[in-house]
Amino acid sequence: MGATSIRPLARFKAKLIAKSEKGAAGKLLGWARRYGVIGVFLVAALPFFGGGVWTGVLLAYVLGLRKTVSYSALLLGCLVGIALLALGVHIAGSFAASFIGDNVPNRFVWR
């Protein structure tokens, strides 16, 4: 029994596709349709509002991707997103530490 054989989910998918073809959501869906798996990966890797794994899951469902392909793209996208966030936090911490200088007590220094 597939997800589209359940009537409420089939209606939800139809409404989602119809709504997404209008407005800003249509641009995202059109962009993701054009790029397919790479689009799902990029949406999952975006550390911004509206991007992420949950949005990538919905996008993979709407695009009708196979589970193994979509899980792989989502996993890699999630890992890349985590790496981007960690890099951003590290850069911001280094930038803030350059202003503080040597006035930081030892309990705040990471060794």
N, C-alpha and C. Protein backbone atom coordinates (compact mmCIF):
# COMPACT_ATOMS: atom_id res chain seq x y z
N MET A 1 0.85 -1.18 0.00
CA MET A 1 0.00 0.00 0.00
C MET A 1 0.89 1.23 0.00
N GLY A 2 0.88 1.98 -1.06
CA GLY A 2 1.70 3.18 -1.18
C GLY A 2 1.03 4.38 -0.54
N ALA A 3 1.79 5.43 -0.40
CA ALA A 3 1.27 6.64 0.23
C ALA A 3 0.19 7.29 -0.62
N THR A 4 0.28 7.14 -1.95
CA THR A 4 -0.73 7.75 -2.80
C THR A 4 -2.02 6.95 -2.84
N SER A 5 -2.02 5.72 -2.29
CA SER A 5 -3.25 4.95 -2.25
C SER A 5 -4.12 5.36 -1.07
N ILE A 6 -3.59 6.11 -0.13
CA ILE A 6 -4.37 6.64 0.97
C ILE A 6 -4.99 7.95 0.50
N ARG A 7 -6.29 8.03 0.48
CA ARG A 7 -6.98 9.16 -0.14
C ARG A 7 -6.60 10.52 0.43
N PRO A 8 -6.55 10.72 1.77
CA PRO A 8 -6.17 12.06 2.25
C PRO A 8 -4.78 12.47 1.80
N LEU A 9 -3.84 11.53 1.75
CA LEU A 9 -2.49 11.87 1.30
C LEU A 9 -2.47 12.17 -0.19
N ALA A 10 -3.27 11.46 -0.96
CA ALA A 10 -3.33 11.73 -2.40
C ALA A 10 -3.92 13.12 -2.65
N ARG A 11 -4.97 13.47 -1.88
CA ARG A 11 -5.55 14.81 -2.03
C ARG A 11 -4.56 15.88 -1.58
N PHE A 12 -3.82 15.61 -0.49
CA PHE A 12 -2.82 16.56 -0.01
C PHE A 12 -1.74 16.78 -1.07
N LYS A 13 -1.29 15.69 -1.70
CA LYS A 13 -0.26 15.81 -2.73
C LYS A 13 -0.79 16.61 -3.92
N ALA A 14 -2.03 16.36 -4.32
CA ALA A 14 -2.60 17.10 -5.45
C ALA A 14 -2.73 18.58 -5.12
N LYS A 15 -3.18 18.90 -3.89
CA LYS A 15 -3.30 20.31 -3.49
C LYS A 15 -1.93 20.96 -3.40
N LEU A 16 -0.95 20.24 -2.89
CA LEU A 16 0.40 20.77 -2.77
C LEU A 16 0.99 21.08 -4.13
N ILE A 17 0.78 20.20 -5.08
CA ILE A 17 1.30 20.43 -6.43
C ILE A 17 0.56 21.60 -7.08
N ALA A 18 -0.76 21.66 -6.91
CA ALA A 18 -1.54 22.75 -7.52
C ALA A 18 -1.14 24.10 -6.92
N LYS A 19 -0.97 24.15 -5.59
CA LYS A 19 -0.59 25.39 -4.93
C LYS A 19 0.83 25.79 -5.28
N SER A 20 1.69 24.81 -5.38
CA SER A 20 3.09 25.12 -5.59
C SER A 20 3.38 25.63 -7.00
N GLU A 21 2.46 25.41 -7.90
CA GLU A 21 2.67 25.91 -9.25
C GLU A 21 2.39 27.40 -9.35
N LYS A 22 1.85 28.00 -8.27
CA LYS A 22 1.61 29.43 -8.22
C LYS A 22 2.61 30.05 -7.25
N GLY A 23 2.98 31.29 -7.50
CA GLY A 23 3.76 32.07 -6.54
C GLY A 23 5.18 31.59 -6.31
N ALA A 24 5.69 31.96 -5.13
CA ALA A 24 7.09 31.70 -4.79
C ALA A 24 7.36 30.20 -4.62
N ALA A 25 6.37 29.47 -4.11
CA ALA A 25 6.57 28.03 -3.94
C ALA A 25 6.73 27.35 -5.30
N GLY A 26 6.10 27.89 -6.32
CA GLY A 26 6.25 27.35 -7.66
C GLY A 26 7.66 27.49 -8.18
N LYS A 27 8.31 28.59 -7.81
CA LYS A 27 9.70 28.78 -8.23
C LYS A 27 10.60 27.72 -7.60
N LEU A 28 10.38 27.45 -6.30
CA LEU A 28 11.19 26.43 -5.62
C LEU A 28 10.94 25.06 -6.22
N LEU A 29 9.66 24.73 -6.44
CA LEU A 29 9.35 23.41 -6.99
C LEU A 29 9.85 23.28 -8.42
N GLY A 30 9.72 24.33 -9.21
CA GLY A 30 10.23 24.29 -10.57
C GLY A 30 11.74 24.14 -10.60
N TRP A 31 12.40 24.84 -9.71
CA TRP A 31 13.85 24.74 -9.60
C TRP A 31 14.26 23.33 -9.18
N ALA A 32 13.55 22.78 -8.21
CA ALA A 32 13.89 21.44 -7.74
C ALA A 32 13.54 20.38 -8.78
N ARG A 33 12.45 20.57 -9.52
CA ARG A 33 12.12 19.62 -10.59
C ARG A 33 13.21 19.62 -11.66
N ARG A 34 13.74 20.80 -11.94
CA ARG A 34 14.77 20.90 -12.96
C ARG A 34 16.03 20.16 -12.53
N TYR A 35 16.39 20.27 -11.24
CA TYR A 35 17.63 19.66 -10.76
C TYR A 35 17.42 18.29 -10.11
N GLY A 36 16.20 17.93 -9.76
CA GLY A 36 15.91 16.60 -9.25
C GLY A 36 16.58 16.30 -7.92
N VAL A 37 17.41 15.28 -7.91
CA VAL A 37 18.06 14.82 -6.68
C VAL A 37 19.00 15.90 -6.15
N ILE A 38 19.70 16.59 -7.03
CA ILE A 38 20.59 17.67 -6.61
C ILE A 38 19.79 18.78 -5.94
N GLY A 39 18.60 19.06 -6.44
CA GLY A 39 17.73 20.07 -5.83
C GLY A 39 17.31 19.66 -4.43
N VAL A 40 16.97 18.40 -4.23
CA VAL A 40 16.61 17.91 -2.89
C VAL A 40 17.81 18.01 -1.96
N PHE A 41 18.98 17.65 -2.46
CA PHE A 41 20.22 17.77 -1.66
C PHE A 41 20.45 19.21 -1.24
N LEU A 42 20.33 20.15 -2.17
CA LEU A 42 20.60 21.56 -1.85
C LEU A 42 19.57 22.13 -0.88
N VAL A 43 18.30 21.75 -1.05
CA VAL A 43 17.27 22.22 -0.12
C VAL A 43 17.54 21.68 1.28
N ALA A 44 17.97 20.44 1.38
CA ALA A 44 18.26 19.85 2.69
C ALA A 44 19.51 20.47 3.31
N ALA A 45 20.44 20.93 2.49
CA ALA A 45 21.69 21.49 3.00
C ALA A 45 21.57 22.96 3.39
N LEU A 46 20.51 23.64 2.97
CA LEU A 46 20.39 25.06 3.25
C LEU A 46 20.12 25.31 4.73
N PRO A 47 21.00 26.04 5.40
CA PRO A 47 20.75 26.34 6.82
C PRO A 47 19.95 27.62 7.00
N PHE A 48 18.93 27.82 6.17
CA PHE A 48 18.10 29.01 6.23
C PHE A 48 16.67 28.63 6.52
N PHE A 49 15.86 29.64 6.84
CA PHE A 49 14.44 29.42 7.09
C PHE A 49 13.78 28.91 5.81
N GLY A 50 13.05 27.85 5.92
CA GLY A 50 12.38 27.27 4.76
C GLY A 50 13.15 26.14 4.12
N GLY A 51 14.41 26.03 4.42
CA GLY A 51 15.21 24.93 3.91
C GLY A 51 15.44 23.93 5.02
N GLY A 52 15.88 22.76 4.67
CA GLY A 52 16.16 21.76 5.69
C GLY A 52 15.66 20.40 5.28
N VAL A 53 15.81 19.47 6.19
CA VAL A 53 15.49 18.08 5.89
C VAL A 53 13.99 17.88 5.70
N TRP A 54 13.17 18.52 6.55
CA TRP A 54 11.72 18.33 6.42
C TRP A 54 11.22 18.84 5.08
N THR A 55 11.71 19.98 4.65
CA THR A 55 11.33 20.51 3.34
C THR A 55 11.84 19.61 2.24
N GLY A 56 13.04 19.07 2.41
CA GLY A 56 13.59 18.13 1.44
C GLY A 56 12.77 16.86 1.33
N VAL A 57 12.24 16.38 2.46
CA VAL A 57 11.40 15.18 2.45
C VAL A 57 10.12 15.45 1.66
N LEU A 58 9.49 16.58 1.93
CA LEU A 58 8.27 16.92 1.16
C LEU A 58 8.57 17.07 -0.32
N LEU A 59 9.69 17.68 -0.61
CA LEU A 59 10.07 17.87 -2.01
C LEU A 59 10.34 16.54 -2.70
N ALA A 60 11.04 15.64 -2.03
CA ALA A 60 11.31 14.32 -2.61
C ALA A 60 10.01 13.56 -2.83
N TYR A 61 9.06 13.71 -1.91
CA TYR A 61 7.75 13.05 -2.05
C TYR A 61 6.99 13.60 -3.24
N VAL A 62 6.98 14.93 -3.38
CA VAL A 62 6.26 15.54 -4.49
C VAL A 62 6.91 15.19 -5.82
N LEU A 63 8.23 15.12 -5.85
CA LEU A 63 8.93 14.77 -7.08
C LEU A 63 8.82 13.28 -7.41
N GLY A 64 8.42 12.47 -6.43
CA GLY A 64 8.25 11.04 -6.66
C GLY A 64 9.57 10.29 -6.76
N LEU A 65 10.56 10.72 -6.00
CA LEU A 65 11.86 10.04 -6.03
C LEU A 65 11.79 8.73 -5.26
N ARG A 66 12.64 7.79 -5.65
CA ARG A 66 12.72 6.52 -4.91
C ARG A 66 13.27 6.77 -3.52
N LYS A 67 12.90 5.90 -2.58
CA LYS A 67 13.30 6.10 -1.19
C LYS A 67 14.81 6.08 -1.00
N THR A 68 15.49 5.14 -1.63
CA THR A 68 16.94 5.04 -1.42
C THR A 68 17.66 6.28 -1.94
N VAL A 69 17.21 6.78 -3.08
CA VAL A 69 17.84 7.96 -3.67
C VAL A 69 17.55 9.19 -2.81
N SER A 70 16.30 9.33 -2.38
CA SER A 70 15.95 10.51 -1.58
C SER A 70 16.60 10.46 -0.20
N TYR A 71 16.67 9.28 0.43
CA TYR A 71 17.32 9.17 1.73
C TYR A 71 18.80 9.53 1.62
N SER A 72 19.45 9.08 0.56
CA SER A 72 20.87 9.38 0.37
C SER A 72 21.08 10.88 0.19
N ALA A 73 20.26 11.50 -0.65
CA ALA A 73 20.38 12.94 -0.89
C ALA A 73 20.10 13.73 0.39
N LEU A 74 19.10 13.29 1.16
CA LEU A 74 18.76 13.99 2.40
C LEU A 74 19.85 13.82 3.45
N LEU A 75 20.42 12.63 3.54
CA LEU A 75 21.49 12.39 4.51
C LEU A 75 22.72 13.24 4.19
N LEU A 76 23.13 13.22 2.94
CA LEU A 76 24.28 14.03 2.54
C LEU A 76 24.01 15.52 2.71
N GLY A 77 22.78 15.94 2.36
CA GLY A 77 22.41 17.35 2.53
C GLY A 77 22.42 17.76 3.99
N CYS A 78 21.93 16.88 4.85
CA CYS A 78 21.94 17.15 6.29
C CYS A 78 23.36 17.29 6.81
N LEU A 79 24.25 16.40 6.40
CA LEU A 79 25.64 16.46 6.85
C LEU A 79 26.34 17.71 6.35
N VAL A 80 26.08 18.09 5.10
CA VAL A 80 26.69 19.32 4.57
C VAL A 80 26.13 20.55 5.30
N GLY A 81 24.83 20.54 5.60
CA GLY A 81 24.23 21.65 6.35
C GLY A 81 24.83 21.78 7.74
N ILE A 82 25.06 20.65 8.42
CA ILE A 82 25.68 20.68 9.74
C ILE A 82 27.10 21.23 9.64
N ALA A 83 27.83 20.81 8.61
CA ALA A 83 29.20 21.31 8.43
C ALA A 83 29.21 22.81 8.16
N LEU A 84 28.25 23.31 7.37
CA LEU A 84 28.16 24.74 7.11
C LEU A 84 27.85 25.52 8.38
N LEU A 85 26.95 25.00 9.20
CA LEU A 85 26.63 25.68 10.46
C LEU A 85 27.83 25.66 11.41
N ALA A 86 28.53 24.54 11.50
CA ALA A 86 29.70 24.46 12.37
C ALA A 86 30.79 25.42 11.90
N LEU A 87 30.99 25.51 10.61
CA LEU A 87 31.99 26.43 10.06
C LEU A 87 31.59 27.87 10.35
N GLY A 88 30.31 28.19 10.19
CA GLY A 88 29.84 29.55 10.48
C GLY A 88 30.01 29.92 11.94
N VAL A 89 29.71 28.99 12.85
CA VAL A 89 29.89 29.25 14.28
C VAL A 89 31.36 29.43 14.61
N HIS A 90 32.21 28.62 14.01
CA HIS A 90 33.65 28.73 14.25
C HIS A 90 34.18 30.08 13.77
N ILE A 91 33.76 30.50 12.59
CA ILE A 91 34.22 31.78 12.04
C ILE A 91 33.71 32.94 12.90
N ALA A 92 32.44 32.87 13.33
CA ALA A 92 31.88 33.93 14.17
C ALA A 92 32.59 33.97 15.52
N GLY A 93 32.92 32.80 16.09
CA GLY A 93 33.64 32.77 17.36
C GLY A 93 35.04 33.32 17.23
N SER A 94 35.71 33.01 16.15
CA SER A 94 37.06 33.54 15.92
C SER A 94 37.03 35.04 15.73
N PHE A 95 36.01 35.52 15.04
CA PHE A 95 35.85 36.96 14.81
C PHE A 95 35.59 37.67 16.13
N ALA A 96 34.72 37.09 16.97
CA ALA A 96 34.42 37.71 18.27
C ALA A 96 35.65 37.65 19.18
N ALA A 97 36.41 36.57 19.12
CA ALA A 97 37.60 36.44 19.97
C ALA A 97 38.67 37.45 19.57
N SER A 98 38.71 37.86 18.32
CA SER A 98 39.70 38.85 17.90
C SER A 98 39.42 40.21 18.52
N PHE A 99 38.16 40.50 18.86
CA PHE A 99 37.83 41.76 19.51
C PHE A 99 38.07 41.69 21.01
N ILE A 100 37.86 40.52 21.61
CA ILE A 100 38.01 40.38 23.05
C ILE A 100 39.48 40.39 23.44
N GLY A 101 40.30 39.72 22.66
CA GLY A 101 41.74 39.70 22.92
C GLY A 101 42.12 38.76 24.05
N ASP A 102 43.07 39.17 24.87
CA ASP A 102 43.59 38.32 25.95
C ASP A 102 42.85 38.53 27.27
N ASN A 103 41.75 39.23 27.27
CA ASN A 103 41.02 39.51 28.50
C ASN A 103 40.01 38.43 28.85
N VAL A 104 40.12 37.26 28.23
CA VAL A 104 39.18 36.18 28.48
C VAL A 104 39.70 35.32 29.63
N PRO A 105 38.88 35.08 30.67
CA PRO A 105 39.32 34.20 31.75
C PRO A 105 39.57 32.79 31.22
N ASN A 106 40.40 32.04 31.95
CA ASN A 106 40.78 30.70 31.52
C ASN A 106 39.61 29.74 31.39
N ARG A 107 38.55 29.95 32.16
CA ARG A 107 37.42 29.02 32.08
C ARG A 107 36.68 29.11 30.75
N PHE A 108 36.89 30.17 30.00
CA PHE A 108 36.22 30.32 28.71
C PHE A 108 37.10 29.92 27.54
N VAL A 109 38.32 29.56 27.79
CA VAL A 109 39.24 29.20 26.71
C VAL A 109 39.10 27.72 26.43
N TRP A 110 38.95 27.38 25.19
CA TRP A 110 38.80 25.98 24.79
C TRP A 110 40.17 25.43 24.44
N ARG A 111 40.56 24.39 25.13
CA ARG A 111 41.91 23.82 24.89
C ARG A 111 41.81 22.44 24.41
